Amino acid sequence: MWCGIASPFCCSPILGPIAIINGSKVISLLEQYPGFERRSNATAKARADQIIGWISIALFVIGMIVRFGNLR
């Protein structure tokens, strides 16, 4: 979750994909153990990590387009 939280603020091209990958790993691991007591809470955190990772990557790409679009 920390990679997802930090990714919009620093190193988004690195931390964003790490957050997405870690979120996917957690979700697939939780699917193997359906009896886990706090499964819904952990799944929600993993999905939030994925979403924040995708948002940080999108913001980085938009920032690069704006930055290099203004060059003459």
PDB file of N, CA and C in Angstrom:
ATOM      1  N   MET A   1       0.825  -1.198   0.000  1.00  0.00           N
ATOM      2  CA  MET A   1       0.000   0.000   0.000  1.00  0.00           C
ATOM      3  C   MET A   1       0.866   1.258   0.000  1.00  0.00           C
ATOM      4  N   TRP A   2       2.048   1.176   0.574  1.00  0.00           N
ATOM      5  CA  TRP A   2       2.915   2.360   0.639  1.00  0.00           C
ATOM      6  C   TRP A   2       3.386   2.798  -0.737  1.00  0.00           C
ATOM      7  N   CYS A   3       3.617   1.859  -1.613  1.00  0.00           N
ATOM      8  CA  CYS A   3       4.023   2.220  -2.981  1.00  0.00           C
ATOM      9  C   CYS A   3       2.910   2.984  -3.681  1.00  0.00           C
ATOM     10  N   GLY A   4       1.687   2.571  -3.469  1.00  0.00           N
ATOM     11  CA  GLY A   4       0.554   3.270  -4.070  1.00  0.00           C
ATOM     12  C   GLY A   4       0.365   4.667  -3.508  1.00  0.00           C
ATOM     13  N   ILE A   5       0.594   4.810  -2.222  1.00  0.00           N
ATOM     14  CA  ILE A   5       0.430   6.119  -1.593  1.00  0.00           C
ATOM     15  C   ILE A   5       1.534   7.081  -2.023  1.00  0.00           C
ATOM     16  N   ALA A   6       2.761   6.594  -2.127  1.00  0.00           N
ATOM     17  CA  ALA A   6       3.890   7.458  -2.463  1.00  0.00           C
ATOM     18  C   ALA A   6       4.009   7.722  -3.962  1.00  0.00           C
ATOM     19  N   SER A   7       3.417   6.885  -4.783  1.00  0.00           N
ATOM     20  CA  SER A   7       3.634   6.995  -6.225  1.00  0.00           C
ATOM     21  C   SER A   7       3.166   8.312  -6.856  1.00  0.00           C
ATOM     22  N   PRO A   8       2.057   8.924  -6.447  1.00  0.00           N
ATOM     23  CA  PRO A   8       1.704  10.195  -7.092  1.00  0.00           C
ATOM     24  C   PRO A   8       2.654  11.342  -6.728  1.00  0.00           C
ATOM     25  N   PHE A   9       3.398  11.195  -5.655  1.00  0.00           N
ATOM     26  CA  PHE A   9       4.233  12.287  -5.181  1.00  0.00           C
ATOM     27  C   PHE A   9       5.692  12.182  -5.608  1.00  0.00           C
ATOM     28  N   CYS A  10       6.192  10.964  -5.779  1.00  0.00           N
ATOM     29  CA  CYS A  10       7.581  10.801  -6.210  1.00  0.00           C
ATOM     30  C   CYS A  10       7.746   9.484  -6.952  1.00  0.00           C
ATOM     31  N   CYS A  11       8.546   9.509  -7.980  1.00  0.00           N
ATOM     32  CA  CYS A  11       8.902   8.308  -8.748  1.00  0.00           C
ATOM     33  C   CYS A  11       7.688   7.537  -9.254  1.00  0.00           C
ATOM     34  N   SER A  12       6.716   8.219  -9.784  1.00  0.00           N
ATOM     35  CA  SER A  12       5.513   7.517 -10.240  1.00  0.00           C
ATOM     36  C   SER A  12       5.758   6.502 -11.348  1.00  0.00           C
ATOM     37  N   PRO A  13       6.751   6.688 -12.255  1.00  0.00           N
ATOM     38  CA  PRO A  13       6.949   5.631 -13.245  1.00  0.00           C
ATOM     39  C   PRO A  13       7.506   4.341 -12.643  1.00  0.00           C
ATOM     40  N   ILE A  14       8.086   4.426 -11.469  1.00  0.00           N
ATOM     41  CA  ILE A  14       8.631   3.241 -10.809  1.00  0.00           C
ATOM     42  C   ILE A  14       7.650   2.687  -9.784  1.00  0.00           C
ATOM     43  N   LEU A  15       7.151   3.540  -8.904  1.00  0.00           N
ATOM     44  CA  LEU A  15       6.292   3.083  -7.820  1.00  0.00           C
ATOM     45  C   LEU A  15       4.875   2.727  -8.281  1.00  0.00           C
ATOM     46  N   GLY A  16       4.403   3.348  -9.346  1.00  0.00           N
ATOM     47  CA  GLY A  16       3.069   3.040  -9.867  1.00  0.00           C
ATOM     48  C   GLY A  16       2.941   1.585 -10.307  1.00  0.00           C
ATOM     49  N   PRO A  17       3.838   1.113 -11.194  1.00  0.00           N
ATOM     50  CA  PRO A  17       3.756  -0.302 -11.577  1.00  0.00           C
ATOM     51  C   PRO A  17       3.996  -1.266 -10.412  1.00  0.00           C
ATOM     52  N   ILE A  18       4.864  -0.899  -9.485  1.00  0.00           N
ATOM     53  CA  ILE A  18       5.082  -1.754  -8.318  1.00  0.00           C
ATOM     54  C   ILE A  18       3.800  -1.878  -7.513  1.00  0.00           C
ATOM     55  N   ALA A  19       3.072  -0.779  -7.347  1.00  0.00           N
ATOM     56  CA  ALA A  19       1.809  -0.810  -6.619  1.00  0.00           C
ATOM     57  C   ALA A  19       0.778  -1.682  -7.334  1.00  0.00           C
ATOM     58  N   ILE A  20       0.730  -1.595  -8.656  1.00  0.00           N
ATOM     59  CA  ILE A  20      -0.216  -2.403  -9.428  1.00  0.00           C
ATOM     60  C   ILE A  20       0.124  -3.887  -9.308  1.00  0.00           C
ATOM     61  N   ILE A  21       1.395  -4.208  -9.436  1.00  0.00           N
ATOM     62  CA  ILE A  21       1.829  -5.611  -9.352  1.00  0.00           C
ATOM     63  C   ILE A  21       1.585  -6.173  -7.959  1.00  0.00           C
ATOM     64  N   ASN A  22       1.936  -5.411  -6.923  1.00  0.00           N
ATOM     65  CA  ASN A  22       1.717  -5.890  -5.559  1.00  0.00           C
ATOM     66  C   ASN A  22       0.232  -6.061  -5.249  1.00  0.00           C
ATOM     67  N   GLY A  23      -0.592  -5.155  -5.740  1.00  0.00           N
ATOM     68  CA  GLY A  23      -2.034  -5.298  -5.550  1.00  0.00           C
ATOM     69  C   GLY A  23      -2.576  -6.550  -6.217  1.00  0.00           C
ATOM     70  N   SER A  24      -2.076  -6.842  -7.414  1.00  0.00           N
ATOM     71  CA  SER A  24      -2.504  -8.056  -8.121  1.00  0.00           C
ATOM     72  C   SER A  24      -2.059  -9.312  -7.389  1.00  0.00           C
ATOM     73  N   LYS A  25      -0.844  -9.288  -6.855  1.00  0.00           N
ATOM     74  CA  LYS A  25      -0.346 -10.444  -6.103  1.00  0.00           C
ATOM     75  C   LYS A  25      -1.187 -10.704  -4.864  1.00  0.00           C
ATOM     76  N   VAL A  26      -1.552  -9.638  -4.164  1.00  0.00           N
ATOM     77  CA  VAL A  26      -2.362  -9.791  -2.947  1.00  0.00           C
ATOM     78  C   VAL A  26      -3.735 -10.350  -3.287  1.00  0.00           C
ATOM     79  N   ILE A  27      -4.346  -9.855  -4.339  1.00  0.00           N
ATOM     80  CA  ILE A  27      -5.670 -10.330  -4.721  1.00  0.00           C
ATOM     81  C   ILE A  27      -5.621 -11.805  -5.108  1.00  0.00           C
ATOM     82  N   SER A  28      -4.604 -12.201  -5.877  1.00  0.00           N
ATOM     83  CA  SER A  28      -4.513 -13.611  -6.257  1.00  0.00           C
ATOM     84  C   SER A  28      -4.202 -14.499  -5.056  1.00  0.00           C
ATOM     85  N   LEU A  29      -3.439 -13.999  -4.109  1.00  0.00           N
ATOM     86  CA  LEU A  29      -3.144 -14.757  -2.897  1.00  0.00           C
ATOM     87  C   LEU A  29      -4.389 -14.905  -2.031  1.00  0.00           C
ATOM     88  N   LEU A  30      -5.189 -13.859  -1.948  1.00  0.00           N
ATOM     89  CA  LEU A  30      -6.416 -13.927  -1.151  1.00  0.00           C
ATOM     90  C   LEU A  30      -7.441 -14.875  -1.774  1.00  0.00           C
ATOM     91  N   GLU A  31      -7.420 -15.018  -3.077  1.00  0.00           N
ATOM     92  CA  GLU A  31      -8.348 -15.951  -3.727  1.00  0.00           C
ATOM     93  C   GLU A  31      -8.021 -17.395  -3.371  1.00  0.00           C
ATOM     94  N   GLN A  32      -6.765 -17.663  -3.024  1.00  0.00           N
ATOM     95  CA  GLN A  32      -6.371 -19.013  -2.649  1.00  0.00           C
ATOM     96  C   GLN A  32      -6.835 -19.378  -1.243  1.00  0.00           C
ATOM     97  N   TYR A  33      -7.064 -18.376  -0.415  1.00  0.00           N
ATOM     98  CA  TYR A  33      -7.463 -18.605   0.978  1.00  0.00           C
ATOM     99  C   TYR A  33      -8.816 -17.945   1.252  1.00  0.00           C
ATOM    100  N   PRO A  34      -9.906 -18.589   0.869  1.00  0.00           N
ATOM    101  CA  PRO A  34     -11.227 -17.974   1.043  1.00  0.00           C
ATOM    102  C   PRO A  34     -11.658 -17.861   2.509  1.00  0.00           C
ATOM    103  N   GLY A  35     -11.014 -18.588   3.414  1.00  0.00           N
ATOM    104  CA  GLY A  35     -11.403 -18.540   4.815  1.00  0.00           C
ATOM    105  C   GLY A  35     -10.720 -17.448   5.611  1.00  0.00           C
ATOM    106  N   PHE A  36      -9.934 -16.601   4.959  1.00  0.00           N
ATOM    107  CA  PHE A  36      -9.232 -15.525   5.660  1.00  0.00           C
ATOM    108  C   PHE A  36     -10.245 -14.555   6.244  1.00  0.00           C
ATOM    109  N   GLU A  37     -10.103 -14.252   7.532  1.00  0.00           N
ATOM    110  CA  GLU A  37     -11.119 -13.475   8.256  1.00  0.00           C
ATOM    111  C   GLU A  37     -11.301 -12.060   7.704  1.00  0.00           C
ATOM    112  N   ARG A  38     -10.229 -11.384   7.425  1.00  0.00           N
ATOM    113  CA  ARG A  38     -10.324  -9.984   6.981  1.00  0.00           C
ATOM    114  C   ARG A  38     -10.110  -9.874   5.472  1.00  0.00           C
ATOM    115  N   ARG A  39     -10.680 -10.794   4.735  1.00  0.00           N
ATOM    116  CA  ARG A  39     -10.461 -10.846   3.299  1.00  0.00           C
ATOM    117  C   ARG A  39     -11.005  -9.616   2.582  1.00  0.00           C
ATOM    118  N   SER A  40     -12.192  -9.179   2.916  1.00  0.00           N
ATOM    119  CA  SER A  40     -12.792  -8.041   2.213  1.00  0.00           C
ATOM    120  C   SER A  40     -12.001  -6.765   2.452  1.00  0.00           C
ATOM    121  N   ASN A  41     -11.490  -6.584   3.663  1.00  0.00           N
ATOM    122  CA  ASN A  41     -10.682  -5.403   3.966  1.00  0.00           C
ATOM    123  C   ASN A  41      -9.371  -5.434   3.192  1.00  0.00           C
ATOM    124  N   ALA A  42      -8.714  -6.588   3.155  1.00  0.00           N
ATOM    125  CA  ALA A  42      -7.446  -6.716   2.441  1.00  0.00           C
ATOM    126  C   ALA A  42      -7.650  -6.569   0.936  1.00  0.00           C
ATOM    127  N   THR A  43      -8.737  -7.116   0.412  1.00  0.00           N
ATOM    128  CA  THR A  43      -9.028  -6.986  -1.015  1.00  0.00           C
ATOM    129  C   THR A  43      -9.293  -5.533  -1.378  1.00  0.00           C
ATOM    130  N   ALA A  44      -9.995  -4.818  -0.537  1.00  0.00           N
ATOM    131  CA  ALA A  44     -10.273  -3.406  -0.798  1.00  0.00           C
ATOM    132  C   ALA A  44      -8.982  -2.591  -0.808  1.00  0.00           C
ATOM    133  N   LYS A  45      -8.080  -2.884   0.112  1.00  0.00           N
ATOM    134  CA  LYS A  45      -6.803  -2.181   0.136  1.00  0.00           C
ATOM    135  C   LYS A  45      -5.968  -2.493  -1.106  1.00  0.00           C
ATOM    136  N   ALA A  46      -5.996  -3.754  -1.542  1.00  0.00           N
ATOM    137  CA  ALA A  46      -5.252  -4.140  -2.736  1.00  0.00           C
ATOM    138  C   ALA A  46      -5.823  -3.457  -3.975  1.00  0.00           C
ATOM    139  N   ARG A  47      -7.144  -3.408  -4.086  1.00  0.00           N
ATOM    140  CA  ARG A  47      -7.764  -2.718  -5.225  1.00  0.00           C
ATOM    141  C   ARG A  47      -7.455  -1.222  -5.191  1.00  0.00           C
ATOM    142  N   ALA A  48      -7.457  -0.620  -3.998  1.00  0.00           N
ATOM    143  CA  ALA A  48      -7.109   0.798  -3.879  1.00  0.00           C
ATOM    144  C   ALA A  48      -5.668   1.022  -4.307  1.00  0.00           C
ATOM    145  N   ASP A  49      -4.783   0.101  -3.952  1.00  0.00           N
ATOM    146  CA  ASP A  49      -3.386   0.199  -4.349  1.00  0.00           C
ATOM    147  C   ASP A  49      -3.259   0.154  -5.870  1.00  0.00           C
ATOM    148  N   GLN A  50      -4.003  -0.728  -6.506  1.00  0.00           N
ATOM    149  CA  GLN A  50      -3.981  -0.806  -7.962  1.00  0.00           C
ATOM    150  C   GLN A  50      -4.511   0.478  -8.595  1.00  0.00           C
ATOM    151  N   ILE A  51      -5.599   0.972  -8.078  1.00  0.00           N
ATOM    152  CA  ILE A  51      -6.214   2.179  -8.641  1.00  0.00           C
ATOM    153  C   ILE A  51      -5.299   3.379  -8.497  1.00  0.00           C
ATOM    154  N   ILE A  52      -4.699   3.545  -7.330  1.00  0.00           N
ATOM    155  CA  ILE A  52      -3.776   4.666  -7.126  1.00  0.00           C
ATOM    156  C   ILE A  52      -2.563   4.530  -8.035  1.00  0.00           C
ATOM    157  N   GLY A  53      -2.090   3.299  -8.236  1.00  0.00           N
ATOM    158  CA  GLY A  53      -0.972   3.084  -9.155  1.00  0.00           C
ATOM    159  C   GLY A  53      -1.307   3.501 -10.573  1.00  0.00           C
ATOM    160  N   TRP A  54      -2.500   3.110 -11.046  1.00  0.00           N
ATOM    161  CA  TRP A  54      -2.916   3.502 -12.394  1.00  0.00           C
ATOM    162  C   TRP A  54      -3.109   5.009 -12.513  1.00  0.00           C
ATOM    163  N   ILE A  55      -3.656   5.628 -11.476  1.00  0.00           N
ATOM    164  CA  ILE A  55      -3.856   7.080 -11.509  1.00  0.00           C
ATOM    165  C   ILE A  55      -2.517   7.799 -11.553  1.00  0.00           C
ATOM    166  N   SER A  56      -1.538   7.333 -10.768  1.00  0.00           N
ATOM    167  CA  SER A  56      -0.236   8.006 -10.764  1.00  0.00           C
ATOM    168  C   SER A  56       0.466   7.858 -12.111  1.00  0.00           C
ATOM    169  N   ILE A  57       0.322   6.698 -12.754  1.00  0.00           N
ATOM    170  CA  ILE A  57       0.909   6.530 -14.083  1.00  0.00           C
ATOM    171  C   ILE A  57       0.225   7.449 -15.089  1.00  0.00           C
ATOM    172  N   ALA A  58      -1.100   7.539 -15.014  1.00  0.00           N
ATOM    173  CA  ALA A  58      -1.835   8.415 -15.931  1.00  0.00           C
ATOM    174  C   ALA A  58      -1.445   9.874 -15.728  1.00  0.00           C
ATOM    175  N   LEU A  59      -1.310  10.297 -14.476  1.00  0.00           N
ATOM    176  CA  LEU A  59      -0.901  11.679 -14.212  1.00  0.00           C
ATOM    177  C   LEU A  59       0.506  11.943 -14.718  1.00  0.00           C
ATOM    178  N   PHE A  60       1.391  10.963 -14.584  1.00  0.00           N
ATOM    179  CA  PHE A  60       2.749  11.123 -15.088  1.00  0.00           C
ATOM    180  C   PHE A  60       2.750  11.278 -16.607  1.00  0.00           C
ATOM    181  N   VAL A  61       1.978  10.441 -17.300  1.00  0.00           N
ATOM    182  CA  VAL A  61       1.913  10.522 -18.757  1.00  0.00           C
ATOM    183  C   VAL A  61       1.309  11.849 -19.199  1.00  0.00           C
ATOM    184  N   ILE A  62       0.260  12.286 -18.539  1.00  0.00           N
ATOM    185  CA  ILE A  62      -0.354  13.582 -18.872  1.00  0.00           C
ATOM    186  C   ILE A  62       0.637  14.711 -18.624  1.00  0.00           C
ATOM    187  N   GLY A  63       1.367  14.638 -17.520  1.00  0.00           N
ATOM    188  CA  GLY A  63       2.379  15.651 -17.232  1.00  0.00           C
ATOM    189  C   GLY A  63       3.473  15.692 -18.276  1.00  0.00           C
ATOM    190  N   MET A  64       3.889  14.545 -18.752  1.00  0.00           N
ATOM    191  CA  MET A  64       4.924  14.498 -19.792  1.00  0.00           C
ATOM    192  C   MET A  64       4.396  15.052 -21.113  1.00  0.00           C
ATOM    193  N   ILE A  65       3.151  14.748 -21.438  1.00  0.00           N
ATOM    194  CA  ILE A  65       2.554  15.280 -22.662  1.00  0.00           C
ATOM    195  C   ILE A  65       2.467  16.794 -22.589  1.00  0.00           C
ATOM    196  N   VAL A  66       2.023  17.310 -21.462  1.00  0.00           N
ATOM    197  CA  VAL A  66       1.925  18.764 -21.292  1.00  0.00           C
ATOM    198  C   VAL A  66       3.303  19.402 -21.328  1.00  0.00           C
ATOM    199  N   ARG A  67       4.259  18.774 -20.653  1.00  0.00           N
ATOM    200  CA  ARG A  67       5.618  19.326 -20.577  1.00  0.00           C
ATOM    201  C   ARG A  67       6.262  19.372 -21.948  1.00  0.00           C
ATOM    202  N   PHE A  68       6.215  18.268 -22.684  1.00  0.00           N
ATOM    203  CA  PHE A  68       6.862  18.244 -23.991  1.00  0.00           C
ATOM    204  C   PHE A  68       5.996  18.844 -25.074  1.00  0.00           C
ATOM    205  N   GLY A  69       4.720  19.044 -24.817  1.00  0.00           N
ATOM    206  CA  GLY A  69       3.851  19.711 -25.780  1.00  0.00           C
ATOM    207  C   GLY A  69       4.092  21.205 -25.826  1.00  0.00           C
ATOM    208  N   ASN A  70       4.645  21.773 -24.762  1.00  0.00           N
ATOM    209  CA  ASN A  70       4.900  23.205 -24.702  1.00  0.00           C
ATOM    210  C   ASN A  70       6.272  23.584 -25.228  1.00  0.00           C
ATOM    211  N   LEU A  71       7.099  22.642 -25.604  1.00  0.00           N
ATOM    212  CA  LEU A  71       8.417  22.947 -26.147  1.00  0.00           C
ATOM    213  C   LEU A  71       8.301  23.443 -27.572  1.00  0.00           C
ATOM    214  N   ARG A  72       9.179  24.378 -27.921  1.00  0.00           N
ATOM    215  CA  ARG A  72       9.162  24.905 -29.294  1.00  0.00           C
ATOM    216  C   ARG A  72      10.507  24.769 -29.901  1.00  0.00           C
TER     217      ARG A  72
END
